[in-house]
């Protein structure tokens, strides 16, 4: 009898966690391609809009979706093969790269190609609040539009602009043995190192995908450790206190508009076989809880 009681308690807890108050069933009318989309989205901890990509195995296509908390709908913005997704707040568009072009989707799903400077490096770029583009050239210089910011080359692995428009952060391999997060003052060109680390005998460390917090005071980034033995790791950290957040195989991190949460995607591989799933997670900063936001979504991008 004791065993039966324990089982019943566990079942009741499971059903209470999945109650209708915590979950919203997305109506089919909200998404013309609803068969591609997960049936249940958790909205209780989400603020603003989230754009994300999803690959459909049967159709062999990747689609860009927009999840909106206010209307509680998920919209299909169209087939999307873009990488390096960014939100351009000035133009209200989602941008990304494909081949040698920079392309964009507006919130109505219109898709178009953007004109960019000829020296633009299509892997590392970001948008300033005034709509200007900053990027790393192929030789390794930091540019804003057509102007070089400072006369120094970087072995860059990522770049981000602060929301206040005053700073740029570059993740840089300083040598064969060290990596740095370098912050550059746009007005003066002055630099300061936010974080530096040296490789050890176990493998190489790279800082990837830096993102400023909405108040421009912190930087969320991926610490990639390419170990010589075993699997590489991608861990999420925040400067200036370098607090460990979480780990995953393909984080793609971003901040919530209120700066209280971080979001990333992670490839979940079952230990004992089964289907691998890329899931978007949301977590409150400084709290050790993880919320499943969008099953089978990847490359999340928070939109104000």
C-alpha atoms as a PDB file:
ATOM      1  CA  UNK A   1       0.000   0.000   0.000  1.00  0.00           C
ATOM      2  CA  UNK A   2       2.853   2.410   0.731  1.00  0.00           C
ATOM      3  CA  UNK A   3       4.277   1.941  -2.782  1.00  0.00           C
ATOM      4  CA  UNK A   4       0.911   2.712  -4.361  1.00  0.00           C
ATOM      5  CA  UNK A   5       0.579   5.946  -2.379  1.00  0.00           C
ATOM      6  CA  UNK A   6       4.026   7.134  -3.496  1.00  0.00           C
ATOM      7  CA  UNK A   7       3.195   6.472  -7.146  1.00  0.00           C
ATOM      8  CA  UNK A   8      -0.081   8.373  -6.876  1.00  0.00           C
ATOM      9  CA  UNK A   9       1.673  11.366  -5.336  1.00  0.00           C
ATOM     10  CA  UNK A  10       4.210  11.490  -8.172  1.00  0.00           C
ATOM     11  CA  UNK A  11       1.441  11.274 -10.781  1.00  0.00           C
ATOM     12  CA  UNK A  12      -0.508  14.103  -9.159  1.00  0.00           C
ATOM     13  CA  UNK A  13       2.590  16.318  -9.083  1.00  0.00           C
ATOM     14  CA  UNK A  14       3.245  15.657 -12.765  1.00  0.00           C
ATOM     15  CA  UNK A  15      -0.274  16.620 -13.787  1.00  0.00           C
ATOM     16  CA  UNK A  16      -0.259  19.767 -11.649  1.00  0.00           C
ATOM     17  CA  UNK A  17       3.001  20.902 -13.287  1.00  0.00           C
ATOM     18  CA  UNK A  18       1.453  20.486 -16.753  1.00  0.00           C
ATOM     19  CA  UNK A  19      -1.788  22.246 -15.864  1.00  0.00           C
ATOM     20  CA  UNK A  20      -3.643  24.493 -18.303  1.00  0.00           C
ATOM     21  CA  UNK A  21      -2.723  27.556 -16.223  1.00  0.00           C
ATOM     22  CA  UNK A  22       0.960  27.048 -17.112  1.00  0.00           C
ATOM     23  CA  UNK A  23       0.600  26.257 -20.793  1.00  0.00           C
ATOM     24  CA  UNK A  24      -1.106  27.686 -23.831  1.00  0.00           C
ATOM     25  CA  UNK A  25      -2.151  25.522 -26.763  1.00  0.00           C
ATOM     26  CA  UNK A  26      -1.323  27.402 -29.955  1.00  0.00           C
ATOM     27  CA  UNK A  27      -4.382  27.511 -32.258  1.00  0.00           C
ATOM     28  CA  UNK A  28      -3.865  26.300 -35.811  1.00  0.00           C
ATOM     29  CA  UNK A  29      -5.060  29.627 -37.211  1.00  0.00           C
ATOM     30  CA  UNK A  30      -2.044  31.311 -35.623  1.00  0.00           C
ATOM     31  CA  UNK A  31       0.378  29.405 -37.832  1.00  0.00           C
ATOM     32  CA  UNK A  32      -0.402  28.245 -41.390  1.00  0.00           C
ATOM     33  CA  UNK A  33       2.317  25.619 -41.009  1.00  0.00           C
ATOM     34  CA  UNK A  34       1.139  24.369 -37.634  1.00  0.00           C
ATOM     35  CA  UNK A  35       2.149  20.799 -38.490  1.00  0.00           C
ATOM     36  CA  UNK A  36       5.770  21.979 -38.306  1.00  0.00           C
ATOM     37  CA  UNK A  37       5.296  23.522 -34.875  1.00  0.00           C
ATOM     38  CA  UNK A  38       5.225  22.138 -31.368  1.00  0.00           C
ATOM     39  CA  UNK A  39       1.675  22.091 -30.019  1.00  0.00           C
ATOM     40  CA  UNK A  40       2.402  23.647 -26.629  1.00  0.00           C
ATOM     41  CA  UNK A  41       4.387  26.775 -25.781  1.00  0.00           C
ATOM     42  CA  UNK A  42       5.126  27.931 -22.240  1.00  0.00           C
ATOM     43  CA  UNK A  43       4.394  31.635 -21.912  1.00  0.00           C
ATOM     44  CA  UNK A  44       4.483  32.202 -18.159  1.00  0.00           C
ATOM     45  CA  UNK A  45       8.107  33.464 -18.026  1.00  0.00           C
ATOM     46  CA  UNK A  46       8.461  35.003 -21.508  1.00  0.00           C
ATOM     47  CA  UNK A  47       8.561  38.764 -22.103  1.00  0.00           C
ATOM     48  CA  UNK A  48       8.498  40.393 -25.516  1.00  0.00           C
ATOM     49  CA  UNK A  49       8.722  38.516 -28.802  1.00  0.00           C
ATOM     50  CA  UNK A  50      11.030  35.639 -29.681  1.00  0.00           C
ATOM     51  CA  UNK A  51      12.192  34.777 -33.187  1.00  0.00           C
ATOM     52  CA  UNK A  52      13.592  31.316 -33.740  1.00  0.00           C
ATOM     53  CA  UNK A  53      14.316  28.803 -36.470  1.00  0.00           C
ATOM     54  CA  UNK A  54      13.026  25.284 -36.781  1.00  0.00           C
ATOM     55  CA  UNK A  55      14.140  22.531 -39.133  1.00  0.00           C
ATOM     56  CA  UNK A  56      11.525  20.123 -40.434  1.00  0.00           C
ATOM     57  CA  UNK A  57      13.092  16.733 -41.119  1.00  0.00           C
ATOM     58  CA  UNK A  58      10.326  15.459 -43.393  1.00  0.00           C
ATOM     59  CA  UNK A  59      10.167  18.563 -45.583  1.00  0.00           C
ATOM     60  CA  UNK A  60      13.920  19.278 -45.259  1.00  0.00           C
ATOM     61  CA  UNK A  61      13.338  23.001 -44.824  1.00  0.00           C
ATOM     62  CA  UNK A  62      14.168  25.506 -42.086  1.00  0.00           C
ATOM     63  CA  UNK A  63      11.490  28.031 -41.160  1.00  0.00           C
ATOM     64  CA  UNK A  64      11.665  31.294 -39.204  1.00  0.00           C
ATOM     65  CA  UNK A  65       8.963  31.730 -36.559  1.00  0.00           C
ATOM     66  CA  UNK A  66       7.896  34.650 -34.389  1.00  0.00           C
ATOM     67  CA  UNK A  67       6.380  33.936 -30.947  1.00  0.00           C
ATOM     68  CA  UNK A  68       4.408  36.854 -29.495  1.00  0.00           C
ATOM     69  CA  UNK A  69       3.473  36.933 -25.813  1.00  0.00           C
ATOM     70  CA  UNK A  70       0.853  39.661 -26.191  1.00  0.00           C
ATOM     71  CA  UNK A  71      -1.236  37.866 -28.800  1.00  0.00           C
ATOM     72  CA  UNK A  72      -0.126  34.400 -27.637  1.00  0.00           C
ATOM     73  CA  UNK A  73       0.430  33.275 -31.193  1.00  0.00           C
ATOM     74  CA  UNK A  74       3.251  31.794 -33.242  1.00  0.00           C
ATOM     75  CA  UNK A  75       3.614  33.147 -36.771  1.00  0.00           C
ATOM     76  CA  UNK A  76       5.476  31.678 -39.715  1.00  0.00           C
ATOM     77  CA  UNK A  77       7.758  34.300 -41.311  1.00  0.00           C
ATOM     78  CA  UNK A  78       8.847  32.023 -44.143  1.00  0.00           C
ATOM     79  CA  UNK A  79      11.600  29.635 -45.170  1.00  0.00           C
ATOM     80  CA  UNK A  80      14.879  30.815 -43.664  1.00  0.00           C
ATOM     81  CA  UNK A  81      18.409  29.612 -44.411  1.00  0.00           C
ATOM     82  CA  UNK A  82      20.129  32.497 -42.647  1.00  0.00           C
ATOM     83  CA  UNK A  83      22.875  32.232 -40.024  1.00  0.00           C
ATOM     84  CA  UNK A  84      24.098  34.789 -37.461  1.00  0.00           C
ATOM     85  CA  UNK A  85      20.617  36.139 -36.678  1.00  0.00           C
ATOM     86  CA  UNK A  86      20.501  39.669 -35.222  1.00  0.00           C
ATOM     87  CA  UNK A  87      17.719  42.086 -34.308  1.00  0.00           C
ATOM     88  CA  UNK A  88      17.999  45.549 -35.877  1.00  0.00           C
ATOM     89  CA  UNK A  89      15.875  47.661 -33.538  1.00  0.00           C
ATOM     90  CA  UNK A  90      16.153  50.754 -35.721  1.00  0.00           C
ATOM     91  CA  UNK A  91      14.657  49.060 -38.782  1.00  0.00           C
ATOM     92  CA  UNK A  92      12.472  46.583 -36.847  1.00  0.00           C
ATOM     93  CA  UNK A  93      13.869  43.637 -38.772  1.00  0.00           C
ATOM     94  CA  UNK A  94      15.570  40.285 -38.199  1.00  0.00           C
ATOM     95  CA  UNK A  95      18.822  40.045 -40.127  1.00  0.00           C
ATOM     96  CA  UNK A  96      21.148  37.188 -40.971  1.00  0.00           C
ATOM     97  CA  UNK A  97      23.785  36.042 -43.411  1.00  0.00           C
ATOM     98  CA  UNK A  98      23.697  33.561 -46.262  1.00  0.00           C
ATOM     99  CA  UNK A  99      26.731  33.122 -48.464  1.00  0.00           C
ATOM    100  CA  UNK A 100      28.078  36.578 -49.278  1.00  0.00           C
ATOM    101  CA  UNK A 101      24.899  38.512 -48.552  1.00  0.00           C
ATOM    102  CA  UNK A 102      23.190  40.139 -45.584  1.00  0.00           C
ATOM    103  CA  UNK A 103      19.430  39.593 -45.663  1.00  0.00           C
ATOM    104  CA  UNK A 104      16.461  40.584 -43.521  1.00  0.00           C
ATOM    105  CA  UNK A 105      12.895  39.685 -42.571  1.00  0.00           C
ATOM    106  CA  UNK A 106      10.490  42.281 -41.273  1.00  0.00           C
ATOM    107  CA  UNK A 107       7.809  41.320 -38.748  1.00  0.00           C
ATOM    108  CA  UNK A 108       5.307  40.789 -41.539  1.00  0.00           C
ATOM    109  CA  UNK A 109       7.510  38.113 -43.128  1.00  0.00           C
ATOM    110  CA  UNK A 110       8.808  40.230 -46.026  1.00  0.00           C
ATOM    111  CA  UNK A 111      12.260  38.993 -47.065  1.00  0.00           C
ATOM    112  CA  UNK A 112      14.888  41.165 -48.779  1.00  0.00           C
ATOM    113  CA  UNK A 113      18.646  41.662 -49.297  1.00  0.00           C
ATOM    114  CA  UNK A 114      20.450  44.552 -47.584  1.00  0.00           C
ATOM    115  CA  UNK A 115      23.190  46.761 -49.051  1.00  0.00           C
ATOM    116  CA  UNK A 116      26.383  46.581 -46.984  1.00  0.00           C
ATOM    117  CA  UNK A 117      29.942  47.917 -47.336  1.00  0.00           C
ATOM    118  CA  UNK A 118      32.182  45.854 -49.619  1.00  0.00           C
ATOM    119  CA  UNK A 119      34.628  45.061 -46.782  1.00  0.00           C
ATOM    120  CA  UNK A 120      31.851  43.520 -44.663  1.00  0.00           C
ATOM    121  CA  UNK A 121      32.713  40.172 -43.059  1.00  0.00           C
ATOM    122  CA  UNK A 122      29.509  38.150 -43.188  1.00  0.00           C
ATOM    123  CA  UNK A 123      30.228  36.165 -40.038  1.00  0.00           C
ATOM    124  CA  UNK A 124      30.786  38.843 -37.385  1.00  0.00           C
ATOM    125  CA  UNK A 125      28.522  41.894 -37.325  1.00  0.00           C
ATOM    126  CA  UNK A 126      26.009  43.756 -35.156  1.00  0.00           C
ATOM    127  CA  UNK A 127      23.722  46.793 -35.230  1.00  0.00           C
ATOM    128  CA  UNK A 128      24.147  50.034 -33.301  1.00  0.00           C
ATOM    129  CA  UNK A 129      20.958  51.570 -31.850  1.00  0.00           C
ATOM    130  CA  UNK A 130      20.977  54.279 -34.551  1.00  0.00           C
ATOM    131  CA  UNK A 131      20.853  51.633 -37.296  1.00  0.00           C
ATOM    132  CA  UNK A 132      24.519  51.715 -38.327  1.00  0.00           C
ATOM    133  CA  UNK A 133      26.242  48.395 -38.858  1.00  0.00           C
ATOM    134  CA  UNK A 134      29.493  47.423 -37.153  1.00  0.00           C
ATOM    135  CA  UNK A 135      31.534  44.481 -38.382  1.00  0.00           C
ATOM    136  CA  UNK A 136      34.933  42.819 -38.630  1.00  0.00           C
ATOM    137  CA  UNK A 137      36.669  43.023 -42.012  1.00  0.00           C
ATOM    138  CA  UNK A 138      38.508  40.046 -43.480  1.00  0.00           C
ATOM    139  CA  UNK A 139      41.892  41.518 -42.437  1.00  0.00           C
ATOM    140  CA  UNK A 140      40.550  41.816 -38.873  1.00  0.00           C
ATOM    141  CA  UNK A 141      39.735  45.524 -38.430  1.00  0.00           C
ATOM    142  CA  UNK A 142      36.656  46.826 -36.602  1.00  0.00           C
ATOM    143  CA  UNK A 143      34.503  49.065 -38.804  1.00  0.00           C
ATOM    144  CA  UNK A 144      31.368  51.134 -38.273  1.00  0.00           C
ATOM    145  CA  UNK A 145      29.746  51.568 -41.669  1.00  0.00           C
ATOM    146  CA  UNK A 146      32.654  52.765 -43.886  1.00  0.00           C
ATOM    147  CA  UNK A 147      34.967  53.986 -41.096  1.00  0.00           C
ATOM    148  CA  UNK A 148      37.675  52.029 -39.284  1.00  0.00           C
ATOM    149  CA  UNK A 149      37.211  52.345 -35.521  1.00  0.00           C
ATOM    150  CA  UNK A 150      40.819  51.745 -34.432  1.00  0.00           C
ATOM    151  CA  UNK A 151      43.978  50.875 -36.321  1.00  0.00           C
ATOM    152  CA  UNK A 152      44.421  47.417 -34.835  1.00  0.00           C
ATOM    153  CA  UNK A 153      43.798  43.954 -36.207  1.00  0.00           C
ATOM    154  CA  UNK A 154      41.886  41.324 -34.274  1.00  0.00           C
ATOM    155  CA  UNK A 155      41.652  37.576 -34.664  1.00  0.00           C
ATOM    156  CA  UNK A 156      37.964  38.000 -33.939  1.00  0.00           C
ATOM    157  CA  UNK A 157      35.501  35.281 -32.954  1.00  0.00           C
ATOM    158  CA  UNK A 158      32.544  37.590 -32.326  1.00  0.00           C
ATOM    159  CA  UNK A 159      31.408  41.214 -31.995  1.00  0.00           C
ATOM    160  CA  UNK A 160      28.535  43.016 -30.237  1.00  0.00           C
ATOM    161  CA  UNK A 161      27.318  46.602 -29.736  1.00  0.00           C
ATOM    162  CA  UNK A 162      26.068  47.971 -26.436  1.00  0.00           C
ATOM    163  CA  UNK A 163      22.424  49.132 -26.406  1.00  0.00           C
ATOM    164  CA  UNK A 164      23.513  52.625 -25.285  1.00  0.00           C
ATOM    165  CA  UNK A 165      25.573  52.932 -28.478  1.00  0.00           C
ATOM    166  CA  UNK A 166      28.797  53.752 -26.622  1.00  0.00           C
ATOM    167  CA  UNK A 167      30.781  50.493 -26.668  1.00  0.00           C
ATOM    168  CA  UNK A 168      31.692  47.510 -28.809  1.00  0.00           C
ATOM    169  CA  UNK A 169      32.969  44.199 -27.464  1.00  0.00           C
ATOM    170  CA  UNK A 170      35.162  41.869 -29.515  1.00  0.00           C
ATOM    171  CA  UNK A 171      36.076  38.284 -28.652  1.00  0.00           C
ATOM    172  CA  UNK A 172      39.660  37.847 -29.773  1.00  0.00           C
ATOM    173  CA  UNK A 173      42.292  35.115 -29.961  1.00  0.00           C
ATOM    174  CA  UNK A 174      45.258  37.186 -28.802  1.00  0.00           C
ATOM    175  CA  UNK A 175      47.791  34.489 -29.654  1.00  0.00           C
ATOM    176  CA  UNK A 176      48.012  30.739 -30.044  1.00  0.00           C
ATOM    177  CA  UNK A 177      47.564  30.341 -26.291  1.00  0.00           C
ATOM    178  CA  UNK A 178      45.134  32.991 -25.010  1.00  0.00           C
ATOM    179  CA  UNK A 179      41.685  34.452 -25.607  1.00  0.00           C
ATOM    180  CA  UNK A 180      40.217  37.828 -24.620  1.00  0.00           C
ATOM    181  CA  UNK A 181      37.005  39.801 -24.408  1.00  0.00           C
ATOM    182  CA  UNK A 182      37.987  43.368 -25.358  1.00  0.00           C
ATOM    183  CA  UNK A 183      35.690  46.360 -24.934  1.00  0.00           C
ATOM    184  CA  UNK A 184      36.248  49.401 -27.167  1.00  0.00           C
ATOM    185  CA  UNK A 185      34.923  52.899 -26.452  1.00  0.00           C
ATOM    186  CA  UNK A 186      33.378  54.126 -29.707  1.00  0.00           C
ATOM    187  CA  UNK A 187      34.006  57.834 -28.980  1.00  0.00           C
ATOM    188  CA  UNK A 188      37.666  57.556 -27.932  1.00  0.00           C
ATOM    189  CA  UNK A 189      38.872  54.188 -29.270  1.00  0.00           C
ATOM    190  CA  UNK A 190      40.149  53.272 -25.798  1.00  0.00           C
ATOM    191  CA  UNK A 191      40.263  49.550 -24.996  1.00  0.00           C
ATOM    192  CA  UNK A 192      39.890  47.512 -21.846  1.00  0.00           C
ATOM    193  CA  UNK A 193      40.042  43.770 -21.313  1.00  0.00           C
ATOM    194  CA  UNK A 194      36.908  42.346 -19.705  1.00  0.00           C
ATOM    195  CA  UNK A 195      38.158  38.773 -19.537  1.00  0.00           C
ATOM    196  CA  UNK A 196      41.275  36.877 -20.550  1.00  0.00           C
ATOM    197  CA  UNK A 197      42.139  33.216 -20.272  1.00  0.00           C
ATOM    198  CA  UNK A 198      44.980  30.940 -21.307  1.00  0.00           C
ATOM    199  CA  UNK A 199      44.796  27.528 -22.908  1.00  0.00           C
ATOM    200  CA  UNK A 200      46.124  24.518 -21.077  1.00  0.00           C
ATOM    201  CA  UNK A 201      47.285  21.095 -22.187  1.00  0.00           C
ATOM    202  CA  UNK A 202      43.687  19.844 -22.390  1.00  0.00           C
ATOM    203  CA  UNK A 203      42.611  22.069 -25.278  1.00  0.00           C
ATOM    204  CA  UNK A 204      41.922  25.499 -26.775  1.00  0.00           C
ATOM    205  CA  UNK A 205      39.466  28.046 -25.361  1.00  0.00           C
ATOM    206  CA  UNK A 206      37.453  30.436 -27.539  1.00  0.00           C
ATOM    207  CA  UNK A 207      34.921  33.115 -26.521  1.00  0.00           C
ATOM    208  CA  UNK A 208      31.941  33.189 -28.882  1.00  0.00           C
ATOM    209  CA  UNK A 209      28.665  35.056 -29.449  1.00  0.00           C
ATOM    210  CA  UNK A 210      29.017  37.982 -27.004  1.00  0.00           C
ATOM    211  CA  UNK A 211      25.778  39.867 -26.220  1.00  0.00           C
ATOM    212  CA  UNK A 212      25.409  43.029 -24.116  1.00  0.00           C
ATOM    213  CA  UNK A 213      22.737  43.231 -21.441  1.00  0.00           C
ATOM    214  CA  UNK A 214      20.014  45.881 -22.015  1.00  0.00           C
ATOM    215  CA  UNK A 215      21.676  48.230 -19.483  1.00  0.00           C
ATOM    216  CA  UNK A 216      25.040  47.878 -21.331  1.00  0.00           C
ATOM    217  CA  UNK A 217      26.790  46.844 -18.093  1.00  0.00           C
ATOM    218  CA  UNK A 218      27.197  43.078 -18.611  1.00  0.00           C
ATOM    219  CA  UNK A 219      28.233  40.775 -21.448  1.00  0.00           C
ATOM    220  CA  UNK A 220      26.801  37.299 -21.918  1.00  0.00           C
ATOM    221  CA  UNK A 221      29.078  35.015 -23.920  1.00  0.00           C
ATOM    222  CA  UNK A 222      29.830  31.407 -24.805  1.00  0.00           C
ATOM    223  CA  UNK A 223      33.044  29.856 -23.538  1.00  0.00           C
ATOM    224  CA  UNK A 224      33.905  27.146 -26.051  1.00  0.00           C
ATOM    225  CA  UNK A 225      36.467  24.625 -24.870  1.00  0.00           C
ATOM    226  CA  UNK A 226      37.765  22.447 -27.676  1.00  0.00           C
ATOM    227  CA  UNK A 227      39.334  19.674 -25.625  1.00  0.00           C
ATOM    228  CA  UNK A 228      41.828  17.292 -27.178  1.00  0.00           C
ATOM    229  CA  UNK A 229      40.174  14.254 -25.550  1.00  0.00           C
ATOM    230  CA  UNK A 230      36.407  13.893 -25.244  1.00  0.00           C
ATOM    231  CA  UNK A 231      33.601  16.197 -26.371  1.00  0.00           C
ATOM    232  CA  UNK A 232      33.971  20.004 -26.665  1.00  0.00           C
ATOM    233  CA  UNK A 233      31.916  22.070 -24.235  1.00  0.00           C
ATOM    234  CA  UNK A 234      29.994  25.338 -24.618  1.00  0.00           C
ATOM    235  CA  UNK A 235      29.403  27.084 -21.292  1.00  0.00           C
ATOM    236  CA  UNK A 236      27.572  30.382 -20.732  1.00  0.00           C
ATOM    237  CA  UNK A 237      29.186  33.131 -18.662  1.00  0.00           C
ATOM    238  CA  UNK A 238      28.401  36.736 -17.770  1.00  0.00           C
ATOM    239  CA  UNK A 239      30.932  39.532 -17.197  1.00  0.00           C
ATOM    240  CA  UNK A 240      32.053  41.379 -15.166  1.00  0.00           C
ATOM    241  CA  UNK A 241      31.782  38.761 -12.421  1.00  0.00           C
ATOM    242  CA  UNK A 242      32.184  35.838 -14.876  1.00  0.00           C
ATOM    243  CA  UNK A 243      29.374  33.892 -13.239  1.00  0.00           C
ATOM    244  CA  UNK A 244      28.695  30.483 -14.710  1.00  0.00           C
ATOM    245  CA  UNK A 245      25.165  30.221 -16.090  1.00  0.00           C
ATOM    246  CA  UNK A 246      24.663  26.927 -17.852  1.00  0.00           C
ATOM    247  CA  UNK A 247      26.036  24.611 -20.480  1.00  0.00           C
ATOM    248  CA  UNK A 248      24.814  23.231 -23.770  1.00  0.00           C
ATOM    249  CA  UNK A 249      26.058  22.064 -27.139  1.00  0.00           C
ATOM    250  CA  UNK A 250      24.857  25.039 -29.225  1.00  0.00           C
ATOM    251  CA  UNK A 251      23.864  27.883 -26.913  1.00  0.00           C
ATOM    252  CA  UNK A 252      23.124  30.916 -29.212  1.00  0.00           C
ATOM    253  CA  UNK A 253      22.457  33.110 -26.137  1.00  0.00           C
ATOM    254  CA  UNK A 254      20.419  36.301 -25.805  1.00  0.00           C
ATOM    255  CA  UNK A 255      19.087  38.615 -23.073  1.00  0.00           C
ATOM    256  CA  UNK A 256      15.436  39.324 -22.373  1.00  0.00           C
ATOM    257  CA  UNK A 257      14.401  42.966 -22.983  1.00  0.00           C
ATOM    258  CA  UNK A 258      14.155  43.564 -19.211  1.00  0.00           C
ATOM    259  CA  UNK A 259      17.630  42.132 -18.562  1.00  0.00           C
ATOM    260  CA  UNK A 260      16.305  39.701 -15.967  1.00  0.00           C
ATOM    261  CA  UNK A 261      16.563  36.491 -18.041  1.00  0.00           C
ATOM    262  CA  UNK A 262      18.849  34.814 -20.518  1.00  0.00           C
ATOM    263  CA  UNK A 263      17.862  32.478 -23.323  1.00  0.00           C
ATOM    264  CA  UNK A 264      19.790  29.871 -25.278  1.00  0.00           C
ATOM    265  CA  UNK A 265      19.273  26.778 -27.387  1.00  0.00           C
ATOM    266  CA  UNK A 266      20.754  23.406 -26.550  1.00  0.00           C
ATOM    267  CA  UNK A 267      20.961  20.127 -28.410  1.00  0.00           C
ATOM    268  CA  UNK A 268      19.659  17.407 -26.100  1.00  0.00           C
ATOM    269  CA  UNK A 269      21.044  13.991 -27.008  1.00  0.00           C
ATOM    270  CA  UNK A 270      19.449  11.010 -25.189  1.00  0.00           C
ATOM    271  CA  UNK A 271      21.986   8.861 -23.354  1.00  0.00           C
ATOM    272  CA  UNK A 272      20.278   5.611 -24.293  1.00  0.00           C
ATOM    273  CA  UNK A 273      19.238   6.273 -27.867  1.00  0.00           C
ATOM    274  CA  UNK A 274      16.219   8.067 -29.246  1.00  0.00           C
ATOM    275  CA  UNK A 275      15.685  11.300 -31.151  1.00  0.00           C
ATOM    276  CA  UNK A 276      17.917  14.309 -30.465  1.00  0.00           C
ATOM    277  CA  UNK A 277      16.045  17.579 -29.899  1.00  0.00           C
ATOM    278  CA  UNK A 278      17.147  21.199 -30.000  1.00  0.00           C
ATOM    279  CA  UNK A 279      15.255  23.063 -27.286  1.00  0.00           C
ATOM    280  CA  UNK A 280      15.214  26.750 -26.349  1.00  0.00           C
ATOM    281  CA  UNK A 281      15.683  27.434 -22.639  1.00  0.00           C
ATOM    282  CA  UNK A 282      14.958  30.542 -20.578  1.00  0.00           C
ATOM    283  CA  UNK A 283      16.485  31.120 -17.153  1.00  0.00           C
ATOM    284  CA  UNK A 284      16.311  33.937 -14.625  1.00  0.00           C
ATOM    285  CA  UNK A 285      19.777  35.415 -14.056  1.00  0.00           C
ATOM    286  CA  UNK A 286      21.321  34.434 -10.698  1.00  0.00           C
ATOM    287  CA  UNK A 287      18.723  31.708 -10.167  1.00  0.00           C
ATOM    288  CA  UNK A 288      19.416  28.060 -10.775  1.00  0.00           C
ATOM    289  CA  UNK A 289      16.169  27.240 -12.569  1.00  0.00           C
ATOM    290  CA  UNK A 290      15.657  26.366 -16.194  1.00  0.00           C
ATOM    291  CA  UNK A 291      12.406  26.870 -18.092  1.00  0.00           C
ATOM    292  CA  UNK A 292      11.614  25.037 -21.310  1.00  0.00           C
ATOM    293  CA  UNK A 293      10.374  27.758 -23.641  1.00  0.00           C
ATOM    294  CA  UNK A 294       9.983  26.355 -27.147  1.00  0.00           C
ATOM    295  CA  UNK A 295      10.455  22.643 -27.892  1.00  0.00           C
ATOM    296  CA  UNK A 296      12.403  21.886 -31.082  1.00  0.00           C
ATOM    297  CA  UNK A 297      13.464  25.489 -31.677  1.00  0.00           C
ATOM    298  CA  UNK A 298      16.964  26.838 -32.354  1.00  0.00           C
ATOM    299  CA  UNK A 299      18.868  30.102 -32.821  1.00  0.00           C
ATOM    300  CA  UNK A 300      16.586  32.148 -30.494  1.00  0.00           C
ATOM    301  CA  UNK A 301      16.475  35.919 -30.807  1.00  0.00           C
ATOM    302  CA  UNK A 302      14.659  38.141 -28.345  1.00  0.00           C
ATOM    303  CA  UNK A 303      12.775  41.048 -29.918  1.00  0.00           C
ATOM    304  CA  UNK A 304      11.512  44.080 -28.012  1.00  0.00           C
END
